[in-house]
PDB file of N, CA and C in Angstrom:
ATOM      1  N   MET A   1      71.918  90.828  38.606  1.00  0.00           N
ATOM      2  CA  MET A   1      72.122  92.068  37.668  1.00  0.00           C
ATOM      3  C   MET A   1      73.254  91.906  37.828  1.00  0.00           C
ATOM      4  N   ALA A   2      73.992  92.054  36.829  1.00  0.00           N
ATOM      5  CA  ALA A   2      75.374  92.623  36.310  1.00  0.00           C
ATOM      6  C   ALA A   2      75.575  93.696  36.242  1.00  0.00           C
ATOM      7  N   LEU A   3      76.580  94.774  36.895  1.00  0.00           N
ATOM      8  CA  LEU A   3      76.650  96.242  36.553  1.00  0.00           C
ATOM      9  C   LEU A   3      78.282  95.907  36.021  1.00  0.00           C
ATOM     10  N   ASP A   4      77.879  96.795  34.649  1.00  0.00           N
ATOM     11  CA  ASP A   4      79.209  96.967  34.163  1.00  0.00           C
ATOM     12  C   ASP A   4      80.031  98.377  34.622  1.00  0.00           C
ATOM     13  N   ARG A   5      81.370  98.046  34.152  1.00  0.00           N
ATOM     14  CA  ARG A   5      82.061  99.856  34.465  1.00  0.00           C
ATOM     15  C   ARG A   5      81.063 100.961  34.464  1.00  0.00           C
ATOM     16  N   ALA A   6      80.821 100.833  32.796  1.00  0.00           N
ATOM     17  CA  ALA A   6      79.848 102.594  32.483  1.00  0.00           C
ATOM     18  C   ALA A   6      78.444 102.573  33.486  1.00  0.00           C
ATOM     19  N   THR A   7      77.907 101.360  33.583  1.00  0.00           N
ATOM     20  CA  THR A   7      76.690 101.885  34.962  1.00  0.00           C
ATOM     21  C   THR A   7      77.379 102.097  36.089  1.00  0.00           C
ATOM     22  N   VAL A   8      78.675 101.566  37.170  1.00  0.00           N
ATOM     23  CA  VAL A   8      78.687 102.573  38.153  1.00  0.00           C
ATOM     24  C   VAL A   8      79.298 103.722  38.169  1.00  0.00           C
ATOM     25  N   ALA A   9      79.956 103.988  37.413  1.00  0.00           N
ATOM     26  CA  ALA A   9      80.499 105.477  36.543  1.00  0.00           C
ATOM     27  C   ALA A   9      79.237 106.490  36.511  1.00  0.00           C
ATOM     28  N   ARG A  10      78.389 105.689  35.906  1.00  0.00           N
ATOM     29  CA  ARG A  10      77.532 106.645  35.834  1.00  0.00           C
ATOM     30  C   ARG A  10      76.595 106.931  36.987  1.00  0.00           C
ATOM     31  N   VAL A  11      76.129 105.876  38.168  1.00  0.00           N
ATOM     32  CA  VAL A  11      75.967 105.975  39.338  1.00  0.00           C
ATOM     33  C   VAL A  11      76.779 107.437  40.428  1.00  0.00           C
ATOM     34  N   ALA A  12      77.849 107.245  39.842  1.00  0.00           N
ATOM     35  CA  ALA A  12      79.141 107.332  40.734  1.00  0.00           C
ATOM     36  C   ALA A  12      78.968 109.362  40.523  1.00  0.00           C
ATOM     37  N   ARG A  13      78.850 109.414  39.147  1.00  0.00           N
ATOM     38  CA  ARG A  13      78.634 110.680  38.748  1.00  0.00           C
ATOM     39  C   ARG A  13      77.300 111.330  38.855  1.00  0.00           C
ATOM     40  N   LEU A  14      75.996 110.793  38.848  1.00  0.00           N
ATOM     41  CA  LEU A  14      75.160 111.329  39.362  1.00  0.00           C
ATOM     42  C   LEU A  14      75.104 111.149  41.030  1.00  0.00           C
ATOM     43  N   ALA A  15      75.869 110.770  41.699  1.00  0.00           N
ATOM     44  CA  ALA A  15      75.246 110.572  42.833  1.00  0.00           C
ATOM     45  C   ALA A  15      76.938 111.863  43.784  1.00  0.00           C
ATOM     46  N   ARG A  16      77.315 112.553  41.891  1.00  0.00           N
ATOM     47  CA  ARG A  16      78.192 113.228  42.700  1.00  0.00           C
ATOM     48  C   ARG A  16      79.716 112.638  43.340  1.00  0.00           C
ATOM     49  N   ILE A  17      80.258 111.660  42.960  1.00  0.00           N
ATOM     50  CA  ILE A  17      80.959 110.886  44.270  1.00  0.00           C
ATOM     51  C   ILE A  17      81.796 110.904  43.177  1.00  0.00           C
ATOM     52  N   ARG A  18      83.259 110.979  43.433  1.00  0.00           N
ATOM     53  CA  ARG A  18      84.165 111.041  42.737  1.00  0.00           C
ATOM     54  C   ARG A  18      85.224 108.985  42.862  1.00  0.00           C
ATOM     55  N   ILE A  19      85.038 108.632  42.039  1.00  0.00           N
ATOM     56  CA  ILE A  19      85.506 107.165  42.112  1.00  0.00           C
ATOM     57  C   ILE A  19      86.807 107.223  40.915  1.00  0.00           C
ATOM     58  N   GLY A  20      87.684 106.269  41.412  1.00  0.00           N
ATOM     59  CA  GLY A  20      89.049 106.503  40.627  1.00  0.00           C
ATOM     60  C   GLY A  20      88.721 104.718  39.541  1.00  0.00           C
ATOM     61  N   ALA A  21      89.168 105.060  38.260  1.00  0.00           N
ATOM     62  CA  ALA A  21      88.839 104.269  37.444  1.00  0.00           C
ATOM     63  C   ALA A  21      90.160 102.838  37.670  1.00  0.00           C
ATOM     64  N   HIS A  22      90.028 102.593  39.449  1.00  0.00           N
ATOM     65  CA  HIS A  22      90.603 101.397  39.622  1.00  0.00           C
ATOM     66  C   HIS A  22      89.612 100.625  40.200  1.00  0.00           C
ATOM     67  N   GLU A  23      88.994 101.569  40.992  1.00  0.00           N
ATOM     68  CA  GLU A  23      87.487 101.271  42.254  1.00  0.00           C
ATOM     69  C   GLU A  23      86.481 100.542  41.443  1.00  0.00           C
ATOM     70  N   LEU A  24      86.677 101.049  40.619  1.00  0.00           N
ATOM     71  CA  LEU A  24      85.201 101.013  39.326  1.00  0.00           C
ATOM     72  C   LEU A  24      84.736  99.439  39.012  1.00  0.00           C
ATOM     73  N   ASP A  25      85.548  97.875  39.089  1.00  0.00           N
ATOM     74  CA  ASP A  25      85.385  96.747  39.025  1.00  0.00           C
ATOM     75  C   ASP A  25      85.039  96.330  40.586  1.00  0.00           C
ATOM     76  N   ARG A  26      85.482  96.724  41.599  1.00  0.00           N
ATOM     77  CA  ARG A  26      85.433  96.122  42.974  1.00  0.00           C
ATOM     78  C   ARG A  26      84.118  97.048  43.485  1.00  0.00           C
ATOM     79  N   LEU A  27      83.854  97.717  42.922  1.00  0.00           N
ATOM     80  CA  LEU A  27      82.125  98.015  43.478  1.00  0.00           C
ATOM     81  C   LEU A  27      80.990  98.150  42.176  1.00  0.00           C
ATOM     82  N   ALA A  28      81.469  98.068  40.827  1.00  0.00           N
ATOM     83  CA  ALA A  28      80.691  97.022  40.467  1.00  0.00           C
ATOM     84  C   ALA A  28      80.096  95.633  41.599  1.00  0.00           C
ATOM     85  N   GLY A  29      81.071  95.028  41.874  1.00  0.00           N
ATOM     86  CA  GLY A  29      80.886  93.734  42.767  1.00  0.00           C
ATOM     87  C   GLY A  29      79.816  94.027  43.921  1.00  0.00           C
ATOM     88  N   GLU A  30      80.349  94.714  44.769  1.00  0.00           N
ATOM     89  CA  GLU A  30      79.831  95.321  45.746  1.00  0.00           C
ATOM     90  C   GLU A  30      77.815  96.125  45.545  1.00  0.00           C
ATOM     91  N   LEU A  31      77.843  96.570  44.408  1.00  0.00           N
ATOM     92  CA  LEU A  31      76.830  97.121  44.106  1.00  0.00           C
ATOM     93  C   LEU A  31      75.426  96.318  43.444  1.00  0.00           C
ATOM     94  N   ASP A  32      76.175  95.231  43.053  1.00  0.00           N
ATOM     95  CA  ASP A  32      75.542  93.892  42.224  1.00  0.00           C
ATOM     96  C   ASP A  32      75.238  92.940  43.215  1.00  0.00           C
ATOM     97  N   ASN A  33      76.272  92.803  44.852  1.00  0.00           N
ATOM     98  CA  ASN A  33      75.684  92.317  45.427  1.00  0.00           C
ATOM     99  C   ASN A  33      74.467  92.617  46.163  1.00  0.00           C
ATOM    100  N   ILE A  34      75.022  94.181  46.227  1.00  0.00           N
ATOM    101  CA  ILE A  34      73.104  94.494  47.377  1.00  0.00           C
ATOM    102  C   ILE A  34      72.451  94.657  46.517  1.00  0.00           C
ATOM    103  N   LEU A  35      72.189  94.442  44.454  1.00  0.00           N
ATOM    104  CA  LEU A  35      71.215  94.052  44.150  1.00  0.00           C
ATOM    105  C   LEU A  35      70.157  92.963  44.286  1.00  0.00           C
ATOM    106  N   THR A  36      71.188  91.829  44.437  1.00  0.00           N
ATOM    107  CA  THR A  36      70.645  90.604  44.182  1.00  0.00           C
ATOM    108  C   THR A  36      70.453  90.183  45.785  1.00  0.00           C
ATOM    109  N   TRP A  37      70.625  91.127  46.370  1.00  0.00           N
ATOM    110  CA  TRP A  37      70.135  90.975  47.647  1.00  0.00           C
ATOM    111  C   TRP A  37      68.140  91.992  47.983  1.00  0.00           C
ATOM    112  N   ILE A  38      68.505  92.706  47.411  1.00  0.00           N
ATOM    113  CA  ILE A  38      67.048  93.250  47.374  1.00  0.00           C
ATOM    114  C   ILE A  38      66.325  92.380  46.449  1.00  0.00           C
ATOM    115  N   GLU A  39      67.006  91.633  45.554  1.00  0.00           N
ATOM    116  CA  GLU A  39      65.755  90.675  44.374  1.00  0.00           C
ATOM    117  C   GLU A  39      65.381  89.794  45.784  1.00  0.00           C
ATOM    118  N   GLN A  40      65.753  89.051  46.519  1.00  0.00           N
ATOM    119  CA  GLN A  40      65.970  88.415  47.324  1.00  0.00           C
ATOM    120  C   GLN A  40      64.855  88.661  48.146  1.00  0.00           C
ATOM    121  N   LEU A  41      65.262  89.937  48.699  1.00  0.00           N
ATOM    122  CA  LEU A  41      63.566  90.709  49.612  1.00  0.00           C
ATOM    123  C   LEU A  41      62.102  90.731  48.528  1.00  0.00           C
ATOM    124  N   ASN A  42      62.048  90.747  47.586  1.00  0.00           N
ATOM    125  CA  ASN A  42      61.297  91.146  46.471  1.00  0.00           C
ATOM    126  C   ASN A  42      60.579  89.886  46.599  1.00  0.00           C
ATOM    127  N   GLU A  43      61.759  88.213  46.662  1.00  0.00           N
ATOM    128  CA  GLU A  43      60.442  87.668  46.881  1.00  0.00           C
ATOM    129  C   GLU A  43      59.633  87.185  47.956  1.00  0.00           C
ATOM    130  N   VAL A  44      59.905  87.648  48.901  1.00  0.00           N
ATOM    131  CA  VAL A  44      59.032  87.451  50.603  1.00  0.00           C
ATOM    132  C   VAL A  44      57.900  88.204  50.351  1.00  0.00           C
ATOM    133  N   ASP A  45      56.561  87.097  51.023  1.00  0.00           N
ATOM    134  CA  ASP A  45      55.262  87.468  50.524  1.00  0.00           C
ATOM    135  C   ASP A  45      55.108  88.091  51.942  1.00  0.00           C
ATOM    136  N   VAL A  46      54.680  89.685  51.797  1.00  0.00           N
ATOM    137  CA  VAL A  46      54.128  90.289  52.703  1.00  0.00           C
ATOM    138  C   VAL A  46      52.622  90.683  52.817  1.00  0.00           C
ATOM    139  N   ASP A  47      51.969  89.872  51.798  1.00  0.00           N
ATOM    140  CA  ASP A  47      50.270  90.130  51.814  1.00  0.00           C
ATOM    141  C   ASP A  47      49.771  89.883  53.373  1.00  0.00           C
ATOM    142  N   GLY A  48      49.172  90.930  53.918  1.00  0.00           N
ATOM    143  CA  GLY A  48      48.530  91.014  55.413  1.00  0.00           C
ATOM    144  C   GLY A  48      49.051  92.043  56.254  1.00  0.00           C
ATOM    145  N   VAL A  49      50.163  91.921  55.719  1.00  0.00           N
ATOM    146  CA  VAL A  49      51.310  92.693  56.730  1.00  0.00           C
ATOM    147  C   VAL A  49      51.550  93.931  56.694  1.00  0.00           C
ATOM    148  N   GLU A  50      50.857  94.993  58.139  1.00  0.00           N
ATOM    149  CA  GLU A  50      51.234  96.013  58.064  1.00  0.00           C
ATOM    150  C   GLU A  50      52.350  96.623  58.315  1.00  0.00           C
ATOM    151  N   PRO A  51      52.734  97.854  57.580  1.00  0.00           N
ATOM    152  CA  PRO A  51      53.724  98.610  57.630  1.00  0.00           C
ATOM    153  C   PRO A  51      54.378  98.881  58.804  1.00  0.00           C
ATOM    154  N   MET A  52      55.601  99.219  59.372  1.00  0.00           N
ATOM    155  CA  MET A  52      55.600  99.142  60.595  1.00  0.00           C
ATOM    156  C   MET A  52      56.452 100.482  60.787  1.00  0.00           C
ATOM    157  N   THR A  53      56.316 101.322  61.858  1.00  0.00           N
ATOM    158  CA  THR A  53      57.169 102.606  61.902  1.00  0.00           C
ATOM    159  C   THR A  53      57.889 102.700  62.913  1.00  0.00           C
ATOM    160  N   SER A  54      57.748 101.317  64.231  1.00  0.00           N
ATOM    161  CA  SER A  54      58.253 101.107  65.534  1.00  0.00           C
ATOM    162  C   SER A  54      58.023  99.714  65.688  1.00  0.00           C
ATOM    163  N   VAL A  55      59.728  98.610  66.459  1.00  0.00           N
ATOM    164  CA  VAL A  55      59.383  97.400  66.614  1.00  0.00           C
ATOM    165  C   VAL A  55      58.715  96.924  67.916  1.00  0.00           C
ATOM    166  N   VAL A  56      58.554  98.427  68.816  1.00  0.00           N
ATOM    167  CA  VAL A  56      57.921  98.361  70.217  1.00  0.00           C
ATOM    168  C   VAL A  56      56.096  98.879  69.503  1.00  0.00           C
ATOM    169  N   ALA A  57      55.156  98.531  70.047  1.00  0.00           N
ATOM    170  CA  ALA A  57      53.607  99.535  69.515  1.00  0.00           C
ATOM    171  C   ALA A  57      53.833 100.412  70.801  1.00  0.00           C
ATOM    172  N   PHE A  58      53.427 101.133  70.406  1.00  0.00           N
ATOM    173  CA  PHE A  58      53.213 102.192  71.578  1.00  0.00           C
ATOM    174  C   PHE A  58      52.435 103.441  71.084  1.00  0.00           C
ATOM    175  N   GLU A  59      51.682 104.082  71.977  1.00  0.00           N
ATOM    176  CA  GLU A  59      50.847 105.334  71.413  1.00  0.00           C
ATOM    177  C   GLU A  59      51.427 106.662  72.159  1.00  0.00           C
ATOM    178  N   LEU A  60      52.013 107.489  71.014  1.00  0.00           N
ATOM    179  CA  LEU A  60      52.073 109.042  71.794  1.00  0.00           C
ATOM    180  C   LEU A  60      51.564 109.495  72.866  1.00  0.00           C
ATOM    181  N   PRO A  61      51.797 110.233  73.544  1.00  0.00           N
ATOM    182  CA  PRO A  61      51.569 110.746  74.782  1.00  0.00           C
ATOM    183  C   PRO A  61      50.434 111.864  74.084  1.00  0.00           C
ATOM    184  N   GLU A  62      49.867 112.428  74.577  1.00  0.00           N
ATOM    185  CA  GLU A  62      48.576 113.445  74.344  1.00  0.00           C
ATOM    186  C   GLU A  62      47.844 114.416  75.266  1.00  0.00           C
ATOM    187  N   ARG A  63      48.353 115.593  74.745  1.00  0.00           N
ATOM    188  CA  ARG A  63      47.744 116.651  75.707  1.00  0.00           C
ATOM    189  C   ARG A  63      46.549 117.030  75.469  1.00  0.00           C
ATOM    190  N   ALA A  64      45.863 117.543  76.383  1.00  0.00           N
ATOM    191  CA  ALA A  64      44.524 118.280  76.404  1.00  0.00           C
ATOM    192  C   ALA A  64      44.240 119.091  75.383  1.00  0.00           C
ATOM    193  N   ASP A  65      43.922 119.384  74.279  1.00  0.00           N
ATOM    194  CA  ASP A  65      43.637 120.968  74.087  1.00  0.00           C
ATOM    195  C   ASP A  65      43.365 121.823  75.180  1.00  0.00           C
ATOM    196  N   GLN A  66      43.847 123.117  75.205  1.00  0.00           N
ATOM    197  CA  GLN A  66      43.370 123.931  75.634  1.00  0.00           C
ATOM    198  C   GLN A  66      43.079 125.052  75.743  1.00  0.00           C
ATOM    199  N   VAL A  67      42.181 126.324  76.196  1.00  0.00           N
ATOM    200  CA  VAL A  67      42.260 127.276  75.801  1.00  0.00           C
ATOM    201  C   VAL A  67      43.279 128.373  76.227  1.00  0.00           C
ATOM    202  N   THR A  68      44.193 128.818  75.856  1.00  0.00           N
ATOM    203  CA  THR A  68      44.567 130.184  77.012  1.00  0.00           C
ATOM    204  C   THR A  68      44.968 131.358  76.543  1.00  0.00           C
ATOM    205  N   GLU A  69      44.681 132.312  77.601  1.00  0.00           N
ATOM    206  CA  GLU A  69      44.846 133.613  76.866  1.00  0.00           C
ATOM    207  C   GLU A  69      46.009 133.897  75.637  1.00  0.00           C
ATOM    208  N   GLY A  70      46.593 133.600  75.789  1.00  0.00           N
ATOM    209  CA  GLY A  70      48.089 134.435  74.715  1.00  0.00           C
ATOM    210  C   GLY A  70      48.075 135.419  75.138  1.00  0.00           C
ATOM    211  N   GLY A  71      48.443 136.326  73.603  1.00  0.00           N
ATOM    212  CA  GLY A  71      48.970 137.758  73.826  1.00  0.00           C
ATOM    213  C   GLY A  71      49.858 138.199  74.812  1.00  0.00           C
ATOM    214  N   CYS A  72      50.839 137.380  75.205  1.00  0.00           N
ATOM    215  CA  CYS A  72      52.124 137.522  75.927  1.00  0.00           C
ATOM    216  C   CYS A  72      53.532 138.189  75.209  1.00  0.00           C
ATOM    217  N   ALA A  73      53.254 138.607  74.561  1.00  0.00           N
ATOM    218  CA  ALA A  73      54.213 139.023  73.284  1.00  0.00           C
ATOM    219  C   ALA A  73      55.079 140.039  73.961  1.00  0.00           C
ATOM    220  N   GLU A  74      54.456 141.265  74.850  1.00  0.00           N
ATOM    221  CA  GLU A  74      55.533 141.875  75.395  1.00  0.00           C
ATOM    222  C   GLU A  74      56.293 141.296  76.122  1.00  0.00           C
ATOM    223  N   ASP A  75      56.179 139.914  77.306  1.00  0.00           N
ATOM    224  CA  ASP A  75      56.776 139.226  77.691  1.00  0.00           C
ATOM    225  C   ASP A  75      58.203 138.730  76.976  1.00  0.00           C
ATOM    226  N   ILE A  76      57.757 138.164  75.625  1.00  0.00           N
ATOM    227  CA  ILE A  76      58.157 137.170  75.269  1.00  0.00           C
ATOM    228  C   ILE A  76      59.325 138.757  74.404  1.00  0.00           C
ATOM    229  N   VAL A  77      59.604 139.278  74.323  1.00  0.00           N
ATOM    230  CA  VAL A  77      60.409 140.213  73.800  1.00  0.00           C
ATOM    231  C   VAL A  77      60.914 141.024  74.322  1.00  0.00           C
ATOM    232  N   ALA A  78      60.627 141.341  76.143  1.00  0.00           N
ATOM    233  CA  ALA A  78      60.913 142.102  77.088  1.00  0.00           C
ATOM    234  C   ALA A  78      62.481 142.269  77.642  1.00  0.00           C
ATOM    235  N   ASN A  79      63.259 140.637  77.012  1.00  0.00           N
ATOM    236  CA  ASN A  79      64.697 140.729  77.138  1.00  0.00           C
ATOM    237  C   ASN A  79      65.411 140.907  75.881  1.00  0.00           C
ATOM    238  N   ALA A  80      65.012 141.359  74.664  1.00  0.00           N
ATOM    239  CA  ALA A  80      65.812 141.443  73.932  1.00  0.00           C
ATOM    240  C   ALA A  80      65.923 142.688  73.787  1.00  0.00           C
ATOM    241  N   PRO A  81      67.236 142.711  73.018  1.00  0.00           N
ATOM    242  CA  PRO A  81      68.279 144.538  73.074  1.00  0.00           C
ATOM    243  C   PRO A  81      67.397 145.471  71.903  1.00  0.00           C
ATOM    244  N   GLU A  82      66.404 145.038  70.702  1.00  0.00           N
ATOM    245  CA  GLU A  82      66.028 146.163  70.482  1.00  0.00           C
ATOM    246  C   GLU A  82      64.756 145.216  69.792  1.00  0.00           C
ATOM    247  N   THR A  83      63.785 146.206  69.966  1.00  0.00           N
ATOM    248  CA  THR A  83      62.517 145.657  69.457  1.00  0.00           C
ATOM    249  C   THR A  83      61.748 146.918  68.703  1.00  0.00           C
ATOM    250  N   ALA A  84      60.315 146.597  68.561  1.00  0.00           N
ATOM    251  CA  ALA A  84      59.865 147.571  67.776  1.00  0.00           C
ATOM    252  C   ALA A  84      58.220 146.815  67.710  1.00  0.00           C
ATOM    253  N   GLY A  85      57.759 147.295  68.641  1.00  0.00           N
ATOM    254  CA  GLY A  85      56.249 147.053  69.166  1.00  0.00           C
ATOM    255  C   GLY A  85      56.180 145.733  69.584  1.00  0.00           C
ATOM    256  N   SER A  86      56.228 144.482  69.622  1.00  0.00           N
ATOM    257  CA  SER A  86      56.211 143.053  69.672  1.00  0.00           C
ATOM    258  C   SER A  86      56.976 142.120  68.557  1.00  0.00           C
ATOM    259  N   TYR A  87      58.110 142.779  68.163  1.00  0.00           N
ATOM    260  CA  TYR A  87      58.802 142.516  67.302  1.00  0.00           C
ATOM    261  C   TYR A  87      60.180 142.344  67.529  1.00  0.00           C
ATOM    262  N   PHE A  88      61.037 141.465  67.107  1.00  0.00           N
ATOM    263  CA  PHE A  88      62.629 141.159  67.224  1.00  0.00           C
ATOM    264  C   PHE A  88      63.556 142.365  66.346  1.00  0.00           C
ATOM    265  N   VAL A  89      63.847 143.324  66.594  1.00  0.00           N
ATOM    266  CA  VAL A  89      64.794 143.773  65.613  1.00  0.00           C
ATOM    267  C   VAL A  89      66.004 143.606  65.256  1.00  0.00           C
ATOM    268  N   VAL A  90      66.072 142.661  64.013  1.00  0.00           N
ATOM    269  CA  VAL A  90      67.095 141.889  63.757  1.00  0.00           C
ATOM    270  C   VAL A  90      68.283 142.740  62.592  1.00  0.00           C
ATOM    271  N   PRO A  91      69.158 142.645  62.376  1.00  0.00           N
ATOM    272  CA  PRO A  91      70.268 143.554  61.342  1.00  0.00           C
ATOM    273  C   PRO A  91      69.423 142.634  59.933  1.00  0.00           C
ATOM    274  N   LYS A  92      69.952 143.536  58.771  1.00  0.00           N
ATOM    275  CA  LYS A  92      69.414 142.949  57.611  1.00  0.00           C
ATOM    276  C   LYS A  92      70.675 142.252  57.431  1.00  0.00           C
ATOM    277  N   VAL A  93      70.488 140.983  56.342  1.00  0.00           N
ATOM    278  CA  VAL A  93      71.119 140.378  55.905  1.00  0.00           C
ATOM    279  C   VAL A  93      71.372 139.891  54.663  1.00  0.00           C
ATOM    280  N   VAL A  94      70.218 140.036  53.533  1.00  0.00           N
ATOM    281  CA  VAL A  94      69.976 140.097  52.579  1.00  0.00           C
ATOM    282  C   VAL A  94      69.402 141.534  52.069  1.00  0.00           C
ATOM    283  N   GLU A  95      70.431 141.634  50.809  1.00  0.00           N
ATOM    284  CA  GLU A  95      70.364 142.666  50.239  1.00  0.00           C
ATOM    285  C   GLU A  95      69.417 142.711  48.593  1.00  0.00           C
TER     286      GLU A  95
END
């Protein structure tokens, strides 16, 4: 896939990257190499291969679900400089 200067300039504009006119030819070559490599990856047969999230197979540790008392809002706001009931009072930042 050959990229021309106009395509590279358009991609740069869409990506909001300022590119000088003298850099367009060099970047066109680099992007063309990247797209060629991606086309090579599309030729790889991946039928029956499960997607991976990690190269190491492991299970995340899980904790047991336990019902707790909760209701400790007073303890949470005890050190706050200003409270209203069980809520923190903060200055208004949006008008």
